[in-house]
N, C-alpha and C. Protein backbone atom coordinates (compact mmCIF):
# COMPACT_ATOMS: atom_id res chain seq x y z
N MET A 1 -21.63 6.37 -14.19
CA MET A 1 -21.27 6.15 -12.82
C MET A 1 -20.64 4.92 -12.18
N LEU A 2 -21.41 4.10 -12.76
CA LEU A 2 -20.92 2.72 -12.04
C LEU A 2 -19.58 2.18 -12.16
N LEU A 3 -18.68 2.09 -13.64
CA LEU A 3 -17.71 1.64 -14.11
C LEU A 3 -16.34 2.36 -13.12
N PRO A 4 -16.75 3.85 -13.01
CA PRO A 4 -15.72 4.30 -11.84
C PRO A 4 -15.50 3.97 -10.27
N LEU A 5 -16.95 3.47 -9.90
CA LEU A 5 -17.23 3.30 -8.75
C LEU A 5 -16.66 1.55 -8.48
N TRP A 6 -16.78 1.08 -9.74
CA TRP A 6 -16.50 -0.56 -9.88
C TRP A 6 -14.67 -0.47 -9.89
N THR A 7 -14.06 0.43 -10.56
CA THR A 7 -12.89 0.46 -10.46
C THR A 7 -12.03 0.83 -9.59
N SER A 8 -12.76 1.59 -8.94
CA SER A 8 -12.53 2.08 -7.95
C SER A 8 -12.13 0.85 -6.53
N GLN A 9 -13.15 0.22 -6.60
CA GLN A 9 -13.23 -0.99 -5.79
C GLN A 9 -12.86 -2.17 -5.72
N LEU A 10 -12.13 -2.29 -7.12
CA LEU A 10 -10.67 -3.18 -7.49
C LEU A 10 -9.70 -2.44 -7.03
N ARG A 11 -9.32 -1.65 -7.26
CA ARG A 11 -8.05 -0.91 -6.78
C ARG A 11 -7.85 -1.20 -4.87
N THR A 12 -8.97 -1.10 -4.78
CA THR A 12 -8.78 -1.01 -3.17
C THR A 12 -9.03 -2.53 -3.02
N ALA A 13 -9.47 -3.59 -3.37
CA ALA A 13 -9.25 -4.85 -3.53
C ALA A 13 -8.07 -5.43 -3.38
N ARG A 14 -7.22 -4.87 -4.71
CA ARG A 14 -5.86 -5.07 -5.24
C ARG A 14 -4.96 -4.57 -3.74
N VAL A 15 -5.17 -3.67 -2.84
CA VAL A 15 -4.41 -3.05 -2.36
C VAL A 15 -4.69 -3.91 -1.12
N MET A 16 -5.66 -4.04 -0.66
CA MET A 16 -6.23 -5.08 0.43
C MET A 16 -5.07 -6.36 0.06
N MET A 17 -5.43 -7.23 -1.07
CA MET A 17 -4.57 -8.22 -1.35
C MET A 17 -3.35 -7.80 -0.86
N ASP A 18 -2.52 -7.15 -1.50
CA ASP A 18 -1.13 -6.63 -1.45
C ASP A 18 -0.78 -6.60 -0.09
N ALA A 19 -1.52 -5.83 0.64
CA ALA A 19 -1.21 -5.77 2.10
C ALA A 19 -1.42 -6.81 2.53
N HIS A 20 -2.46 -7.52 2.53
CA HIS A 20 -2.13 -9.06 3.42
C HIS A 20 -0.86 -9.80 2.84
N THR A 21 -0.69 -10.04 1.87
CA THR A 21 0.70 -10.28 1.24
C THR A 21 2.08 -10.26 2.01
N VAL A 22 2.13 -8.91 2.29
CA VAL A 22 3.19 -7.96 3.06
C VAL A 22 3.02 -8.56 4.68
N ILE A 23 1.80 -8.12 5.14
CA ILE A 23 1.61 -8.44 6.30
C ILE A 23 2.36 -10.34 6.81
N GLY A 24 1.94 -10.85 5.82
CA GLY A 24 2.33 -12.35 6.16
C GLY A 24 3.42 -12.56 5.93
N LEU A 25 4.13 -12.20 4.62
CA LEU A 25 5.59 -12.14 4.62
C LEU A 25 6.32 -11.82 5.35
N ARG A 26 5.92 -10.51 5.99
CA ARG A 26 6.53 -9.67 6.66
C ARG A 26 6.44 -10.91 8.33
N MET A 27 5.55 -11.48 8.80
CA MET A 27 5.38 -11.95 10.01
C MET A 27 6.25 -13.66 10.17
N LEU A 28 6.42 -14.09 8.63
CA LEU A 28 7.71 -15.08 8.08
C LEU A 28 8.93 -14.63 8.21
N GLY A 29 9.02 -13.40 7.89
CA GLY A 29 10.42 -13.10 8.25
C GLY A 29 11.24 -12.69 9.61
N PHE A 30 10.13 -12.19 10.47
CA PHE A 30 10.38 -11.98 11.57
C PHE A 30 10.15 -13.34 12.52
N ALA A 31 9.70 -14.36 11.93
CA ALA A 31 9.73 -15.37 12.69
C ALA A 31 11.09 -16.44 12.29
N GLY A 32 11.76 -15.94 11.49
CA GLY A 32 12.81 -16.82 10.93
C GLY A 32 12.38 -17.52 9.83
N VAL A 33 11.23 -17.84 8.95
CA VAL A 33 11.22 -18.90 8.06
C VAL A 33 11.41 -18.69 6.87
N ILE A 34 11.75 -17.11 6.55
CA ILE A 34 12.27 -16.52 5.66
C ILE A 34 13.33 -15.38 5.78
N ASP A 35 14.21 -15.40 4.58
CA ASP A 35 15.31 -14.06 4.85
C ASP A 35 14.60 -12.90 4.91
N SER A 36 15.00 -12.17 6.07
CA SER A 36 14.37 -10.73 6.46
C SER A 36 15.70 -9.84 6.69
N ALA A 37 15.17 -8.26 6.08
CA ALA A 37 16.68 -7.66 6.08
C ALA A 37 16.56 -7.22 7.83
N ARG A 38 17.55 -6.71 8.08
CA ARG A 38 17.53 -6.46 9.67
C ARG A 38 16.72 -5.05 10.15
N ASP A 39 16.71 -4.30 8.74
CA ASP A 39 15.80 -2.82 9.17
C ASP A 39 14.59 -3.21 8.68
N GLU A 40 14.08 -4.34 8.76
CA GLU A 40 12.53 -4.30 7.98
C GLU A 40 11.13 -3.81 8.92
N PRO A 41 11.73 -3.76 10.25
CA PRO A 41 10.89 -3.26 11.06
C PRO A 41 10.75 -1.57 11.10
N LEU A 42 12.00 -0.88 10.96
CA LEU A 42 12.06 0.32 10.84
C LEU A 42 11.46 0.74 8.95
N ARG A 43 11.89 -0.21 8.48
CA ARG A 43 11.25 0.20 6.72
C ARG A 43 9.84 0.09 7.05
N MET A 44 9.19 -0.85 7.51
CA MET A 44 7.81 -0.84 7.58
C MET A 44 7.31 0.32 8.24
N VAL A 45 7.95 0.81 9.35
CA VAL A 45 6.77 2.26 10.28
C VAL A 45 6.77 3.50 9.16
N MET A 46 8.53 3.82 8.86
CA MET A 46 9.28 4.83 8.15
C MET A 46 8.21 4.65 6.53
N GLU A 47 7.92 3.54 5.90
CA GLU A 47 7.37 3.56 4.70
C GLU A 47 5.72 3.74 4.40
N LYS A 48 4.85 3.40 5.93
CA LYS A 48 3.52 4.14 6.11
C LYS A 48 3.59 5.43 6.39
N GLN A 49 4.16 5.85 7.16
CA GLN A 49 4.20 7.36 7.49
C GLN A 49 4.44 8.53 6.57
N HIS A 50 5.44 7.44 5.25
CA HIS A 50 5.46 8.29 3.95
C HIS A 50 4.20 8.68 3.06
N ALA A 51 3.70 7.04 2.72
CA ALA A 51 2.75 6.86 2.06
C ALA A 51 1.19 7.20 2.30
N PHE A 52 0.89 7.30 3.95
CA PHE A 52 -0.22 8.06 4.28
C PHE A 52 0.30 9.63 4.08
N ALA A 53 1.38 10.17 4.66
CA ALA A 53 1.36 11.49 4.06
C ALA A 53 0.79 12.01 2.66
N GLU A 54 1.87 11.05 2.01
CA GLU A 54 1.53 11.75 0.61
C GLU A 54 0.04 11.52 -0.04
N ALA A 55 -0.73 10.50 0.62
CA ALA A 55 -2.06 10.07 0.54
C ALA A 55 -3.28 10.88 0.77
N GLY A 56 -2.49 11.93 2.18
CA GLY A 56 -3.55 12.94 2.43
C GLY A 56 -3.18 14.02 1.87
N ALA A 57 -2.04 14.09 1.25
CA ALA A 57 -1.42 15.08 0.67
C ALA A 57 -2.33 15.50 -0.69
N GLU A 58 -2.23 14.33 -1.53
CA GLU A 58 -3.06 13.99 -2.47
C GLU A 58 -4.72 14.26 -2.95
N ALA A 59 -5.10 13.79 -1.40
CA ALA A 59 -6.57 13.74 -1.16
C ALA A 59 -7.36 15.50 -1.09
N THR A 60 -6.20 15.72 -0.34
CA THR A 60 -6.33 17.12 -0.29
C THR A 60 -6.32 18.14 -1.59
N ARG A 61 -5.23 18.10 -2.28
CA ARG A 61 -5.02 18.33 -3.48
C ARG A 61 -6.44 18.15 -4.58
N ALA A 62 -6.87 16.99 -4.17
CA ALA A 62 -7.94 16.61 -5.27
C ALA A 62 -9.32 17.43 -4.39
N MET A 63 -9.20 17.39 -3.46
CA MET A 63 -10.48 18.19 -2.96
C MET A 63 -10.53 19.99 -3.03
N TRP A 64 -9.24 20.55 -3.23
CA TRP A 64 -9.13 21.41 -3.46
C TRP A 64 -9.68 21.60 -4.50
N GLN A 65 -9.14 20.65 -5.79
CA GLN A 65 -9.52 21.33 -6.64
C GLN A 65 -11.10 21.00 -7.57
N GLY A 66 -11.59 20.61 -6.52
CA GLY A 66 -13.35 20.71 -7.09
C GLY A 66 -13.56 19.11 -7.48
N GLN A 67 -12.77 18.07 -7.29
CA GLN A 67 -12.92 16.83 -7.78
C GLN A 67 -13.66 15.97 -6.98
N SER A 68 -14.49 14.93 -7.56
CA SER A 68 -15.20 14.44 -6.65
C SER A 68 -14.63 13.50 -5.58
N ALA A 69 -15.61 13.01 -4.75
CA ALA A 69 -15.02 12.66 -3.41
C ALA A 69 -14.90 10.80 -3.56
N LEU A 70 -14.91 10.34 -4.82
CA LEU A 70 -14.23 9.18 -5.46
C LEU A 70 -13.25 9.36 -5.98
N ARG A 71 -12.93 10.70 -6.70
CA ARG A 71 -11.99 10.88 -7.48
C ARG A 71 -10.53 11.25 -6.23
N ALA A 72 -11.01 11.64 -4.89
CA ALA A 72 -10.26 12.40 -4.09
C ALA A 72 -9.75 10.34 -3.36
N TYR A 73 -10.49 9.70 -3.23
CA TYR A 73 -10.05 8.66 -2.76
C TYR A 73 -8.73 7.92 -3.75
N ASP A 74 -9.43 7.72 -5.18
CA ASP A 74 -8.35 7.27 -5.54
C ASP A 74 -7.09 7.69 -5.78
N ARG A 75 -7.33 9.05 -5.66
CA ARG A 75 -5.59 9.49 -5.43
C ARG A 75 -5.14 9.44 -4.28
N ALA A 76 -5.75 9.40 -3.09
CA ALA A 76 -5.27 8.96 -1.99
C ALA A 76 -4.95 7.47 -1.85
N LEU A 77 -5.74 6.64 -2.50
CA LEU A 77 -5.15 5.40 -2.20
C LEU A 77 -4.04 4.89 -3.10
N ALA A 78 -3.63 5.72 -4.32
CA ALA A 78 -2.49 5.44 -5.13
C ALA A 78 -1.25 5.59 -4.31
N PRO A 79 -0.59 6.25 -3.34
CA PRO A 79 0.64 6.23 -3.15
C PRO A 79 0.28 4.67 -2.13
N ILE A 80 -0.38 4.48 -1.12
CA ILE A 80 -0.75 3.15 -0.55
C ILE A 80 -0.78 2.21 -1.26
N GLY A 81 -1.26 1.79 -2.31
CA GLY A 81 -1.31 0.82 -3.28
C GLY A 81 -0.01 1.00 -3.84
N ARG A 82 0.81 1.65 -4.30
CA ARG A 82 2.05 1.59 -4.95
C ARG A 82 3.00 1.08 -3.69
N THR A 83 3.12 1.56 -2.55
CA THR A 83 4.02 1.09 -1.63
C THR A 83 3.46 -0.13 -1.37
N ALA A 84 2.24 -0.71 -0.85
CA ALA A 84 1.97 -2.18 -0.63
C ALA A 84 1.96 -3.19 -1.95
N HIS A 85 1.81 -2.44 -2.93
CA HIS A 85 2.28 -3.54 -4.12
C HIS A 85 4.10 -3.67 -4.22
N ASN A 86 4.59 -2.86 -4.20
CA ASN A 86 5.96 -2.81 -4.19
C ASN A 86 6.77 -3.73 -2.97
N ASN A 87 6.25 -3.40 -1.82
CA ASN A 87 6.81 -4.15 -0.58
C ASN A 87 6.54 -5.73 -1.08
N ALA A 88 5.05 -5.81 -1.49
CA ALA A 88 4.58 -7.40 -1.46
C ALA A 88 5.60 -8.24 -2.76
N LYS A 89 6.12 -7.25 -4.11
CA LYS A 89 6.99 -7.72 -4.70
C LYS A 89 8.18 -7.99 -4.16
N ARG A 90 8.48 -7.02 -3.52
CA ARG A 90 9.96 -7.23 -2.71
C ARG A 90 9.87 -8.28 -1.89
N LEU A 91 8.94 -8.41 -0.89
CA LEU A 91 9.43 -9.62 -0.07
C LEU A 91 8.68 -11.05 -0.49
N ARG A 92 7.99 -11.30 -1.82
CA ARG A 92 8.05 -12.11 -2.21
C ARG A 92 9.23 -12.50 -3.05
N ALA A 93 10.26 -11.34 -3.25
CA ALA A 93 11.49 -12.52 -3.74
C ALA A 93 12.49 -13.03 -2.63
N ARG A 94 12.24 -12.91 -1.29
CA ARG A 94 13.30 -13.71 0.01
C ARG A 94 12.86 -15.15 -0.48
N ARG A 95 14.14 -15.67 -0.26
CA ARG A 95 13.95 -16.88 0.29
C ARG A 95 13.97 -17.26 1.63
N LEU A 96 13.98 -19.18 1.62
CA LEU A 96 13.79 -19.30 2.90
C LEU A 96 14.89 -19.70 3.53
N SER A 97 15.15 -19.17 4.65
CA SER A 97 15.94 -19.51 5.53
C SER A 97 16.46 -20.64 6.26
């Protein structure tokens, strides 16, 4: 039982690191230090809504299928983690202004 819990904790830590990277890079973009797309503020809001809606749907499906709370958590974390990771990757490619 410890390995699934540990794996879940590692996934959570990765999402936290990616989120921290995204926040920092977006702030640098808003400050004009790095290039930033004009629609970045809108994109920031829209993608969160989509990721969290998908996360809620995944958690609900897992619970309806009788899966464990840890599995429901992992399924809910996946779309949020995917979005954060893709954003971090995209924003790291920005150049200094």
